[in-house]
Amino acid sequence: MLIGPDGRVHASAQAPTPVGDGPEAVVAAVRVFVRELAGAAEGIVTAAAGVVVPGEVDAAAGIARYSANIGWRDVPLGALLGEDLGVPVVVEHDVRAAGVAEVVLGSARGADDCVIVVIGTGIAAVLVSGGGPVHGATGLAGELGHIPVRPGGEICACGQRGCLETYASAGAIARRYARSGGEPSSAVEIVARLRSDPIADRIWAEAVDALADAVIILTMTMDPSVVVLGGGLAQAGAVLLDPLRAGVAAGLTWRLPPRIEISPLGAKAGRYGAAVLAWRSAGVTDFSAWTLE
């Protein structure tokens, strides 16, 4: 998206990521796409750019360190795109950028201490403390999906046992449902069968219970004012939100639970986060007029 300092979207485009052609092809495609988007609106001069990517990111250096899905290693995206555009370029992790967007535009707007939990094929979180994202000593803060909420439980792809991702991610729900005798289905299809399919009910309840335990852990360690749920599985709405709120409240016996909300940003969270980060690098600090388009 090409977004002005007032939040107005001047141009928007999408393009497939040529992962099958290798990491070099992905980098080349990103460079072409960014150049074309920068010139998409007549009379608009680009002041800065933001790019967000999955995997391990060195935001300070502008380097995409590693992504298992893309296959690249140590790609200096900031320098490459800066050379192409002639403007400052911010590089950030896609989930952390989504967290920035939630604080500026979404359900965590105005919250200095909050957590954004993104639930999809995996589970990740953005931890916001004192108004800024927590990166951690190695840049790996927010790996919520690999908190062992069920110690000694099912083995995770990471090698640990009982990780949240093995119970509450979209992939885990589909896998556990099929393994329990249900017809192979996506998590979305399983949600649609709730209250009419006992297997779906049980697998979903176990997933929500595991997620509630993770949110309780976050609450006791981070003390957030709000926990925002994003990602594809968050679109389940009330069937996720209602039991999750109840489970978290029941698990916190001596303190009030944080507010738990669904993100209004959907798939646009990362893009808006990239825009906010870019404009911050150009000196813009007031985003109060920005609205979702």
Protein backbone atom coordinates (compact mmCIF):
# COMPACT_ATOMS: atom_id res chain seq x y z
CA MET A 1 0.00 0.00 0.00
CA LEU A 2 1.06 3.59 -0.71
CA ILE A 3 -0.14 5.57 2.32
CA GLY A 4 0.14 9.29 2.99
CA PRO A 5 1.08 10.82 6.36
CA ASP A 6 -2.63 11.39 7.02
CA GLY A 7 -3.41 7.69 6.60
CA ARG A 8 -4.99 8.07 3.17
CA VAL A 9 -4.35 5.07 0.89
CA HIS A 10 -3.23 6.37 -2.52
CA ALA A 11 -2.54 2.99 -4.12
CA SER A 12 -2.74 -0.67 -3.21
CA ALA A 13 -1.55 -3.80 -4.99
CA GLN A 14 -0.90 -7.48 -4.40
CA ALA A 15 1.40 -9.98 -6.07
CA PRO A 16 2.19 -13.65 -5.50
CA THR A 17 5.46 -14.56 -3.78
CA PRO A 18 7.48 -16.81 -6.14
CA VAL A 19 8.72 -19.07 -3.34
CA GLY A 20 9.00 -22.01 -5.73
CA ASP A 21 11.58 -20.16 -7.80
CA GLY A 22 13.98 -19.79 -4.89
CA PRO A 23 14.98 -17.03 -2.47
CA GLU A 24 16.84 -14.94 -5.07
CA ALA A 25 13.69 -14.78 -7.19
CA VAL A 26 11.70 -13.67 -4.13
CA VAL A 27 14.13 -10.83 -3.43
CA ALA A 28 14.02 -9.74 -7.09
CA ALA A 29 10.21 -9.84 -7.08
CA VAL A 30 10.03 -7.74 -3.90
CA ARG A 31 12.35 -5.14 -5.40
CA VAL A 32 10.30 -4.88 -8.60
CA PHE A 33 7.03 -4.73 -6.67
CA VAL A 34 8.21 -1.97 -4.34
CA ARG A 35 9.53 0.14 -7.23
CA GLU A 36 6.26 -0.21 -9.12
CA LEU A 37 4.14 0.60 -6.07
CA ALA A 38 6.23 3.69 -5.31
CA GLY A 39 5.42 5.03 -8.77
CA ALA A 40 1.78 3.94 -8.84
CA ALA A 41 0.25 7.31 -7.88
CA GLU A 42 1.00 10.30 -10.06
CA GLY A 43 2.54 13.26 -8.25
CA ILE A 44 3.22 11.31 -5.04
CA VAL A 45 6.79 11.45 -3.77
CA THR A 46 7.88 8.55 -1.56
CA ALA A 47 9.39 9.69 1.75
CA ALA A 48 10.14 6.28 3.31
CA ALA A 49 9.28 2.62 2.95
CA GLY A 50 8.42 -0.21 5.29
CA VAL A 51 8.75 -3.89 4.46
CA VAL A 52 7.71 -6.73 6.76
CA VAL A 53 8.77 -10.34 6.38
CA PRO A 54 8.38 -13.64 8.25
CA GLY A 55 11.09 -15.49 10.12
CA GLU A 56 14.10 -14.09 11.95
CA VAL A 57 14.61 -10.36 11.36
CA ASP A 58 17.35 -8.00 12.46
CA ALA A 59 15.28 -4.82 12.45
CA ALA A 60 18.14 -2.57 13.55
CA ALA A 61 20.33 -3.70 10.65
CA GLY A 62 17.50 -3.99 8.12
CA ILE A 63 18.35 -7.62 7.43
CA ALA A 64 16.02 -10.59 6.87
CA ARG A 65 18.13 -13.17 8.70
CA TYR A 66 16.22 -16.36 7.98
CA SER A 67 12.85 -17.64 6.83
CA ALA A 68 12.09 -21.35 6.58
CA ASN A 69 9.14 -20.64 4.25
CA ILE A 70 11.10 -18.47 1.82
CA GLY A 71 14.52 -20.03 2.22
CA TRP A 72 16.55 -16.84 2.33
CA ARG A 73 19.37 -16.05 4.73
CA ASP A 74 20.94 -12.72 5.68
CA VAL A 75 19.23 -10.66 2.97
CA PRO A 76 20.00 -6.92 3.40
CA LEU A 77 16.53 -5.85 2.32
CA GLY A 78 16.82 -2.43 3.89
CA ALA A 79 19.96 -1.59 1.92
CA LEU A 80 18.68 -3.10 -1.34
CA LEU A 81 15.33 -1.31 -1.26
CA GLY A 82 16.94 1.88 -0.03
CA GLU A 83 19.22 1.75 -3.08
CA ASP A 84 16.22 1.24 -5.36
CA LEU A 85 14.07 4.01 -3.86
CA GLY A 86 16.57 6.48 -2.52
CA VAL A 87 14.66 6.79 0.78
CA PRO A 88 14.95 5.31 4.30
CA VAL A 89 13.63 1.74 4.50
CA VAL A 90 12.44 0.00 7.68
CA VAL A 91 12.53 -3.80 7.82
CA GLU A 92 10.53 -5.58 10.51
CA HIS A 93 9.02 -8.94 11.41
CA ASP A 94 5.51 -9.27 9.99
CA VAL A 95 3.86 -10.17 13.30
CA ARG A 96 5.59 -7.36 15.21
CA ALA A 97 4.47 -4.93 12.52
CA ALA A 98 0.91 -6.21 12.95
CA GLY A 99 1.25 -5.40 16.63
CA VAL A 100 2.29 -1.84 15.80
CA ALA A 101 -0.83 -1.48 13.64
CA GLU A 102 -3.05 -2.80 16.44
CA VAL A 103 -1.71 -0.18 18.85
CA VAL A 104 -2.13 2.65 16.33
CA LEU A 105 -5.37 1.63 14.59
CA GLY A 106 -6.85 -1.52 16.07
CA SER A 107 -8.33 -2.92 19.25
CA ALA A 108 -5.24 -1.98 21.27
CA ARG A 109 -5.33 1.67 20.14
CA GLY A 110 -3.82 3.83 22.85
CA ALA A 111 -2.70 0.90 25.01
CA ASP A 112 0.87 1.15 26.29
CA ASP A 113 0.92 -2.43 27.60
CA CYS A 114 -0.80 -5.08 25.51
CA VAL A 115 -0.35 -8.38 23.71
CA ILE A 116 -1.37 -9.22 20.16
CA VAL A 117 -1.76 -12.97 19.54
CA VAL A 118 -1.78 -14.07 15.91
CA ILE A 119 -3.36 -17.51 15.42
CA GLY A 120 -2.99 -19.18 12.05
CA THR A 121 -0.93 -22.11 10.82
CA GLY A 122 1.26 -21.32 13.83
CA ILE A 123 0.87 -19.01 16.81
CA ALA A 124 2.96 -15.93 17.54
CA ALA A 125 2.57 -12.92 19.78
CA VAL A 126 3.65 -9.31 19.87
CA LEU A 127 4.48 -8.06 23.34
CA VAL A 128 4.06 -4.32 23.80
CA SER A 129 5.44 -2.71 26.95
CA GLY A 130 5.65 0.99 27.66
CA GLY A 131 4.24 1.73 24.22
CA GLY A 132 6.89 -0.18 22.25
CA PRO A 133 7.35 -3.76 21.03
CA VAL A 134 9.54 -6.08 23.07
CA HIS A 135 12.20 -7.72 20.87
CA GLY A 136 14.13 -9.66 23.49
CA ALA A 137 17.86 -10.34 23.75
CA THR A 138 17.92 -12.42 20.55
CA GLY A 139 14.91 -10.93 18.78
CA LEU A 140 12.73 -13.94 19.60
CA ALA A 141 10.36 -12.43 22.17
CA GLY A 142 6.75 -13.45 21.56
CA GLU A 143 7.22 -17.11 20.60
CA LEU A 144 3.94 -17.89 22.32
CA GLY A 145 3.29 -20.93 20.17
CA HIS A 146 6.21 -22.72 21.81
CA ILE A 147 5.23 -22.17 25.42
CA PRO A 148 4.73 -25.72 26.83
CA VAL A 149 1.17 -25.31 28.09
CA ARG A 150 0.84 -29.09 28.35
CA PRO A 151 4.20 -30.28 29.77
CA GLY A 152 4.97 -33.78 28.56
CA GLY A 153 2.17 -33.57 26.01
CA GLU A 154 2.16 -34.02 22.26
CA ILE A 155 5.45 -33.51 20.47
CA CYS A 156 5.80 -30.28 18.51
CA ALA A 157 7.62 -29.77 15.23
CA CYS A 158 10.17 -27.72 17.20
CA GLY A 159 11.12 -30.83 19.22
CA GLN A 160 9.52 -29.77 22.51
CA ARG A 161 6.45 -31.41 24.01
CA GLY A 162 3.15 -29.77 24.87
CA CYS A 163 3.65 -26.52 22.92
CA LEU A 164 0.60 -24.33 22.45
CA GLU A 165 0.89 -24.70 18.67
CA THR A 166 0.31 -28.45 18.92
CA TYR A 167 -3.14 -27.81 20.43
CA ALA A 168 -4.48 -24.42 19.36
CA SER A 169 -3.10 -23.51 15.92
CA ALA A 170 -5.29 -23.99 12.86
CA GLY A 171 -3.04 -26.79 11.62
CA ALA A 172 -3.09 -28.57 14.98
CA ILE A 173 -6.87 -28.40 15.24
CA ALA A 174 -7.26 -29.95 11.78
CA ARG A 175 -4.64 -32.62 12.52
CA ARG A 176 -6.05 -33.57 15.94
CA TYR A 177 -9.60 -33.67 14.58
CA ALA A 178 -8.65 -36.11 11.81
CA ARG A 179 -6.60 -38.22 14.21
CA SER A 180 -9.62 -38.47 16.52
CA GLY A 181 -11.77 -39.97 13.78
CA GLY A 182 -13.17 -36.89 12.11
CA GLU A 183 -13.22 -36.42 8.36
CA PRO A 184 -10.05 -34.56 7.22
CA SER A 185 -11.05 -30.90 7.25
CA SER A 186 -9.67 -27.40 7.67
CA ALA A 187 -9.96 -25.59 10.99
CA VAL A 188 -12.59 -23.30 9.45
CA GLU A 189 -14.71 -26.30 8.49
CA ILE A 190 -14.31 -27.79 11.95
CA VAL A 191 -15.50 -24.55 13.55
CA ALA A 192 -18.59 -24.69 11.32
CA ARG A 193 -19.43 -28.12 12.79
CA LEU A 194 -19.39 -27.00 16.42
CA ARG A 195 -22.47 -28.01 18.43
CA SER A 196 -23.33 -30.65 15.82
CA ASP A 197 -20.16 -32.77 15.88
CA PRO A 198 -18.91 -34.12 19.25
CA ILE A 199 -15.36 -34.59 17.94
CA ALA A 200 -15.23 -30.99 16.74
CA ASP A 201 -16.60 -29.81 20.08
CA ARG A 202 -13.93 -31.71 22.03
CA ILE A 203 -10.97 -30.67 19.86
CA TRP A 204 -12.10 -27.04 19.87
CA ALA A 205 -12.60 -27.03 23.64
CA GLU A 206 -9.10 -28.45 24.16
CA ALA A 207 -7.67 -25.80 21.83
CA VAL A 208 -9.42 -22.95 23.63
CA ASP A 209 -8.40 -24.33 27.05
CA ALA A 210 -4.75 -24.42 25.95
CA LEU A 211 -4.99 -20.89 24.57
CA ALA A 212 -6.60 -19.68 27.81
CA ASP A 213 -3.68 -21.10 29.79
CA ALA A 214 -1.24 -19.27 27.51
CA VAL A 215 -3.14 -15.99 27.95
CA ILE A 216 -3.08 -16.50 31.72
CA ILE A 217 0.72 -16.91 31.54
CA LEU A 218 0.95 -13.72 29.46
CA THR A 219 -1.27 -11.89 31.91
CA MET A 220 0.82 -12.83 34.92
CA THR A 221 4.12 -11.98 33.21
CA MET A 222 3.21 -8.90 31.11
CA ASP A 223 0.14 -7.46 32.90
CA PRO A 224 -1.42 -6.25 29.63
CA SER A 225 -4.49 -4.03 29.58
CA VAL A 226 -5.76 -5.82 26.47
CA VAL A 227 -5.05 -9.02 24.55
CA VAL A 228 -5.93 -8.79 20.86
CA LEU A 229 -6.53 -11.91 18.77
CA GLY A 230 -5.58 -11.77 15.10
CA GLY A 231 -4.88 -14.21 12.29
CA GLY A 232 -7.21 -16.50 10.39
CA LEU A 233 -8.53 -18.45 13.37
CA ALA A 234 -9.57 -15.27 15.17
CA GLN A 235 -12.28 -14.89 12.56
CA ALA A 236 -14.17 -17.65 14.39
CA GLY A 237 -15.55 -14.79 16.49
CA ALA A 238 -17.74 -15.49 19.48
CA VAL A 239 -17.17 -19.26 19.52
CA LEU A 240 -13.54 -18.45 20.27
CA LEU A 241 -13.90 -15.22 22.21
CA ASP A 242 -16.63 -16.23 24.69
CA PRO A 243 -15.07 -19.46 26.05
CA LEU A 244 -11.60 -17.91 25.98
CA ARG A 245 -12.71 -14.96 28.10
CA ALA A 246 -14.45 -17.34 30.51
CA GLY A 247 -11.40 -19.62 30.74
CA VAL A 248 -9.00 -16.77 31.40
CA ALA A 249 -11.28 -15.24 34.03
CA ALA A 250 -11.66 -18.61 35.78
CA GLY A 251 -7.89 -19.10 35.86
CA LEU A 252 -7.14 -15.73 37.43
CA THR A 253 -8.48 -16.12 40.95
CA TRP A 254 -7.10 -12.98 42.62
CA ARG A 255 -6.93 -10.38 39.87
CA LEU A 256 -9.09 -9.07 37.04
CA PRO A 257 -8.42 -10.46 33.57
CA PRO A 258 -7.31 -8.21 30.73
CA ARG A 259 -9.77 -7.21 28.06
CA ILE A 260 -9.71 -9.75 25.20
CA GLU A 261 -10.76 -8.56 21.73
CA ILE A 262 -10.72 -9.63 18.08
CA SER A 263 -8.58 -7.57 15.72
CA PRO A 264 -10.51 -5.42 13.21
CA LEU A 265 -7.48 -5.29 10.90
CA GLY A 266 -7.48 -8.81 9.54
CA ALA A 267 -4.95 -9.44 6.77
CA LYS A 268 -4.17 -5.71 6.53
CA ALA A 269 -2.44 -5.54 9.92
CA GLY A 270 1.07 -6.14 8.62
CA ARG A 271 0.67 -3.65 5.78
CA TYR A 272 -0.60 -0.89 8.03
CA GLY A 273 2.15 -1.67 10.51
CA ALA A 274 4.76 -1.32 7.76
CA ALA A 275 3.29 2.07 6.82
CA VAL A 276 3.34 3.32 10.40
CA LEU A 277 6.96 2.23 10.85
CA ALA A 278 7.96 3.89 7.59
CA TRP A 279 6.33 7.19 8.52
CA ARG A 280 7.89 7.08 11.99
CA SER A 281 11.30 6.76 10.32
CA ALA A 282 10.43 9.90 8.34
CA GLY A 283 9.60 11.83 11.51
CA VAL A 284 5.81 11.49 11.68
CA THR A 285 4.56 10.87 15.22
CA ASP A 286 0.84 11.73 15.11
CA PHE A 287 -1.41 9.01 13.71
CA SER A 288 -4.61 10.11 15.44
CA ALA A 289 -6.34 10.92 12.13
CA TRP A 290 -5.63 7.52 10.58
CA THR A 291 -8.63 5.27 9.93
CA LEU A 292 -9.04 1.88 8.30
CA GLU A 293 -9.95 1.86 4.59
